[in-house]
Amino acid sequence: MSVAIGLRDWDHVVLCADRQMTDANAGLKFEECKIVYGENDQGQHSYKLGLTYCGDPDAAKNVFPRVREAIEAALEDEETGVGECNCHMDSDYFRGFLQSAFNSKETKRLETLIALQATGCCFLFKTKADQIVSGGRECIGGGDSSVLRFFADVVSRTEIPSPEKALTLGIYLVSLANRYVDGCGLGVDALVFEDEKPFRVLSKTATEKYSERFAQFERQIEKEFFAEPSNAI
């Protein structure tokens, strides 16, 4: 089991994922980054692209180059006027090109979150097998866990937070999954795209610093709401 979170606004997008990999045949678990990324910083075809996944790691590695090709084709068509819409604000334009990357049997074992920064905007896509939808607050993996129900309840009632707050929320939710969802664990990786800024990659070591703040927050919650009153008889 894995878990990954995606949070997007028009000027930023954040991906967070756990690190636990499981070899079902050998009954072993090990850690590995589940976020792959790349960029093209050449002129009008410039973009930043990230993908995180749950499911078959080989399928994810195979599909990522196809996703890059699809995005590059979309940008080329928009520049030459072949595309019929102004794609810089239209996630459906990119989604149409991405469909070709997932029309293969191996994606049946794959869920992904795709983060894209291009033409001055950020986009987030969620895929399952060959189905692709655009989103703003998305989660994959984790099963029917209380962590994911908590995620759905919290983010459905709030605006998309700033980049730093979105990053903190994503790391916190994956950290909760690491603690309470069977098969998730071994730390958190994160990727942040912000408009007109270099992308940021946060490894397990970097995200652990956020976890220290979570522990302090939870201790304070416990103290405020669950400690015995001082005048208890």
Protein backbone atom coordinates (compact mmCIF):
# COMPACT_ATOMS: atom_id res chain seq x y z
CA MET A 1 0.00 0.00 0.00
CA SER A 2 1.16 3.53 -0.77
CA VAL A 3 -0.22 7.03 -0.33
CA ALA A 4 0.35 10.24 -2.27
CA ILE A 5 -1.16 13.72 -1.95
CA GLY A 6 -1.46 16.49 -4.55
CA LEU A 7 -2.47 20.11 -3.84
CA ARG A 8 -2.72 22.71 -6.59
CA ASP A 9 -3.52 26.37 -7.11
CA TRP A 10 -2.94 28.28 -10.35
CA ASP A 11 0.51 29.49 -9.26
CA HIS A 12 1.77 26.41 -7.40
CA VAL A 13 1.39 22.65 -7.08
CA VAL A 14 2.71 20.25 -4.43
CA LEU A 15 3.19 16.47 -4.52
CA CYS A 16 3.96 14.36 -1.42
CA ALA A 17 4.39 10.59 -1.19
CA ASP A 18 5.53 7.90 1.21
CA ARG A 19 8.69 5.87 0.52
CA GLN A 20 7.80 2.28 1.38
CA MET A 21 8.18 -0.32 -1.35
CA THR A 22 7.14 -3.95 -0.84
CA ASP A 23 8.43 -7.06 -2.55
CA ALA A 24 5.39 -9.30 -2.15
CA ASN A 25 7.19 -12.40 -3.41
CA ALA A 26 10.07 -12.10 -0.95
CA GLY A 27 8.00 -10.59 1.86
CA LEU A 28 10.44 -7.69 2.17
CA LYS A 29 10.00 -3.95 2.39
CA PHE A 30 12.51 -1.28 1.40
CA GLU A 31 12.46 2.45 0.74
CA GLU A 32 12.60 4.31 -2.55
CA CYS A 33 11.46 7.71 -3.83
CA LYS A 34 8.06 7.47 -5.59
CA ILE A 35 8.28 10.91 -7.20
CA VAL A 36 9.88 11.32 -10.63
CA TYR A 37 10.33 14.72 -12.24
CA GLY A 38 11.94 16.62 -15.07
CA GLU A 39 11.90 19.98 -16.81
CA ASN A 40 12.59 21.75 -20.07
CA ASP A 41 13.75 25.34 -19.62
CA GLN A 42 14.08 26.16 -23.33
CA GLY A 43 11.95 29.12 -24.45
CA GLN A 44 8.23 28.75 -25.10
CA HIS A 45 8.38 24.99 -24.67
CA SER A 46 9.54 25.32 -21.06
CA TYR A 47 7.73 23.27 -18.44
CA LYS A 48 8.19 21.48 -15.13
CA LEU A 49 6.71 18.02 -14.72
CA GLY A 50 6.38 15.68 -11.76
CA LEU A 51 4.68 12.32 -11.25
CA THR A 52 4.04 10.24 -8.16
CA TYR A 53 2.37 6.87 -8.14
CA CYS A 54 0.83 3.92 -6.35
CA GLY A 55 1.09 0.50 -7.88
CA ASP A 56 3.62 -1.00 -10.27
CA PRO A 57 6.93 0.95 -10.09
CA ASP A 58 8.08 -0.38 -13.47
CA ALA A 59 4.87 0.85 -15.09
CA ALA A 60 5.42 4.29 -13.53
CA LYS A 61 8.97 4.48 -14.87
CA ASN A 62 7.78 3.47 -18.32
CA VAL A 63 4.87 5.89 -18.46
CA PHE A 64 6.82 8.99 -17.35
CA PRO A 65 8.72 9.44 -20.66
CA ARG A 66 5.41 9.10 -22.50
CA VAL A 67 3.91 11.78 -20.27
CA ARG A 68 6.81 14.10 -21.14
CA GLU A 69 6.30 13.47 -24.84
CA ALA A 70 2.59 14.23 -24.51
CA ILE A 71 3.23 17.55 -22.75
CA GLU A 72 5.83 18.57 -25.33
CA ALA A 73 3.41 17.72 -28.14
CA ALA A 74 0.71 19.84 -26.48
CA LEU A 75 3.03 22.83 -26.16
CA GLU A 76 4.19 22.52 -29.76
CA ASP A 77 0.62 22.35 -31.08
CA GLU A 78 -0.42 25.37 -29.02
CA GLU A 79 2.55 27.39 -30.27
CA THR A 80 1.93 26.56 -33.94
CA GLY A 81 -1.79 27.21 -33.70
CA VAL A 82 -2.82 23.60 -34.28
CA GLY A 83 -4.53 23.50 -30.91
CA GLU A 84 -8.00 25.01 -30.95
CA CYS A 85 -7.88 26.61 -27.52
CA ASN A 86 -5.64 28.83 -25.46
CA CYS A 87 -4.08 26.08 -23.36
CA HIS A 88 -2.43 28.27 -20.76
CA MET A 89 -5.63 28.21 -18.71
CA ASP A 90 -7.18 24.95 -19.93
CA SER A 91 -6.36 21.71 -18.14
CA ASP A 92 -8.61 19.76 -20.54
CA TYR A 93 -6.25 20.69 -23.39
CA PHE A 94 -3.32 18.96 -21.67
CA ARG A 95 -5.53 16.11 -20.45
CA GLY A 96 -6.42 15.27 -24.04
CA PHE A 97 -2.75 14.87 -24.96
CA LEU A 98 -1.99 12.88 -21.79
CA GLN A 99 -4.55 10.25 -22.72
CA SER A 100 -2.17 8.67 -25.21
CA ALA A 101 0.41 8.05 -22.47
CA PHE A 102 -1.98 5.81 -20.53
CA ASN A 103 -3.45 3.75 -23.34
CA SER A 104 -1.48 0.62 -22.48
CA LYS A 105 -2.14 -2.56 -20.52
CA GLU A 106 0.55 -1.87 -17.93
CA THR A 107 -1.29 1.20 -16.59
CA LYS A 108 -4.06 -1.08 -15.31
CA ARG A 109 -1.84 -1.60 -12.26
CA LEU A 110 -1.12 2.08 -11.76
CA GLU A 111 -2.52 5.21 -10.13
CA THR A 112 -0.67 8.50 -10.54
CA LEU A 113 -0.75 12.17 -9.66
CA ILE A 114 0.81 14.40 -12.32
CA ALA A 115 1.96 17.93 -11.51
CA LEU A 116 2.60 20.30 -14.41
CA GLN A 117 3.82 23.90 -14.57
CA ALA A 118 3.62 25.34 -18.07
CA THR A 119 2.50 28.49 -19.89
CA GLY A 120 2.47 30.43 -16.62
CA CYS A 121 0.05 28.12 -14.78
CA CYS A 122 0.10 24.96 -12.67
CA PHE A 123 -2.04 21.88 -13.25
CA LEU A 124 -2.74 18.64 -11.40
CA PHE A 125 -4.04 15.41 -12.94
CA LYS A 126 -5.14 12.17 -11.29
CA THR A 127 -5.05 8.90 -13.20
CA LYS A 128 -6.26 5.38 -12.55
CA ALA A 129 -5.55 2.84 -15.29
CA ASP A 130 -6.44 4.78 -18.48
CA GLN A 131 -8.78 7.27 -16.79
CA ILE A 132 -7.50 10.84 -16.35
CA VAL A 133 -9.18 13.70 -14.47
CA SER A 134 -8.09 17.25 -13.64
CA GLY A 135 -8.01 18.20 -9.96
CA GLY A 136 -6.98 20.59 -7.26
CA ARG A 137 -6.88 18.44 -4.11
CA GLU A 138 -6.22 14.79 -4.79
CA CYS A 139 -5.13 11.63 -2.98
CA ILE A 140 -4.25 8.17 -4.29
CA GLY A 141 -3.60 4.88 -2.51
CA GLY A 142 -4.06 4.30 1.19
CA GLY A 143 -7.27 2.27 0.91
CA ASP A 144 -10.34 3.24 2.91
CA SER A 145 -8.38 4.70 5.81
CA SER A 146 -9.36 7.28 8.42
CA VAL A 147 -6.37 9.36 7.27
CA LEU A 148 -7.82 9.72 3.79
CA ARG A 149 -11.30 10.43 5.13
CA PHE A 150 -9.70 13.14 7.28
CA PHE A 151 -7.97 14.52 4.19
CA ALA A 152 -11.21 14.62 2.21
CA ASP A 153 -13.10 16.34 5.02
CA VAL A 154 -10.45 18.97 5.74
CA VAL A 155 -9.56 20.05 2.22
CA SER A 156 -13.12 20.01 0.87
CA ARG A 157 -14.03 22.84 3.23
CA THR A 158 -10.99 25.06 2.77
CA GLU A 159 -9.28 27.10 0.09
CA ILE A 160 -6.05 25.80 -1.42
CA PRO A 161 -3.31 27.01 0.95
CA SER A 162 -0.15 28.92 0.06
CA PRO A 163 2.81 26.87 -1.28
CA GLU A 164 4.45 26.49 2.12
CA LYS A 165 1.20 25.64 3.89
CA ALA A 166 0.25 23.19 1.13
CA LEU A 167 3.65 21.53 1.51
CA THR A 168 3.24 21.32 5.29
CA LEU A 169 -0.28 19.87 4.99
CA GLY A 170 0.81 17.30 2.40
CA ILE A 171 3.76 16.14 4.50
CA TYR A 172 1.58 15.93 7.61
CA LEU A 173 -1.08 13.81 5.89
CA VAL A 174 1.46 11.38 4.43
CA SER A 175 3.16 11.22 7.84
CA LEU A 176 -0.19 10.24 9.40
CA ALA A 177 -0.58 7.52 6.77
CA ASN A 178 2.93 6.30 7.58
CA ARG A 179 1.87 5.87 11.19
CA TYR A 180 -1.60 4.43 10.78
CA VAL A 181 -2.03 2.87 7.31
CA ASP A 182 -0.70 -0.64 6.83
CA GLY A 183 1.94 -0.73 4.09
CA CYS A 184 2.80 2.99 4.16
CA GLY A 185 5.96 4.21 5.81
CA LEU A 186 9.68 4.95 5.76
CA GLY A 187 9.37 8.71 5.42
CA VAL A 188 8.04 11.34 3.02
CA ASP A 189 9.32 12.89 -0.21
CA ALA A 190 7.88 16.10 -1.69
CA LEU A 191 8.04 18.18 -4.85
CA VAL A 192 6.99 21.84 -5.15
CA PHE A 193 6.42 23.88 -8.31
CA GLU A 194 5.91 27.64 -7.93
CA ASP A 195 5.39 30.20 -10.66
CA GLU A 196 8.64 31.95 -11.66
CA LYS A 197 10.69 30.03 -9.10
CA PRO A 198 13.00 26.99 -9.37
CA PHE A 199 11.27 23.76 -8.37
CA ARG A 200 12.04 22.28 -4.97
CA VAL A 201 12.63 18.62 -4.17
CA LEU A 202 12.45 17.66 -0.50
CA SER A 203 13.94 14.33 0.46
CA LYS A 204 13.16 12.29 3.55
CA THR A 205 15.78 14.20 5.53
CA ALA A 206 14.24 17.57 4.65
CA THR A 207 10.65 16.54 5.39
CA GLU A 208 11.63 15.09 8.78
CA LYS A 209 12.19 18.67 9.97
CA TYR A 210 8.49 19.31 9.39
CA SER A 211 7.65 16.19 11.36
CA GLU A 212 9.31 17.68 14.42
CA ARG A 213 6.78 20.54 14.27
CA PHE A 214 3.91 18.05 13.97
CA ALA A 215 5.00 16.28 17.16
CA GLN A 216 5.01 19.60 19.04
CA PHE A 217 1.57 20.45 17.67
CA GLU A 218 0.13 17.08 18.68
CA ARG A 219 1.59 17.34 22.18
CA GLN A 220 -0.05 20.73 22.55
CA ILE A 221 -3.40 19.33 21.38
CA GLU A 222 -3.08 16.49 23.88
CA LYS A 223 -2.24 18.93 26.66
CA GLU A 224 -5.15 21.26 25.86
CA PHE A 225 -7.89 18.69 25.33
CA PHE A 226 -6.92 15.41 26.96
CA ALA A 227 -4.92 16.23 30.08
CA GLU A 228 -6.67 15.70 33.38
CA PRO A 229 -8.02 18.93 34.94
CA SER A 230 -5.87 20.26 37.75
CA ASN A 231 -8.86 20.26 40.10
CA ALA A 232 -9.81 16.64 39.36
CA ILE A 233 -10.84 14.75 42.50
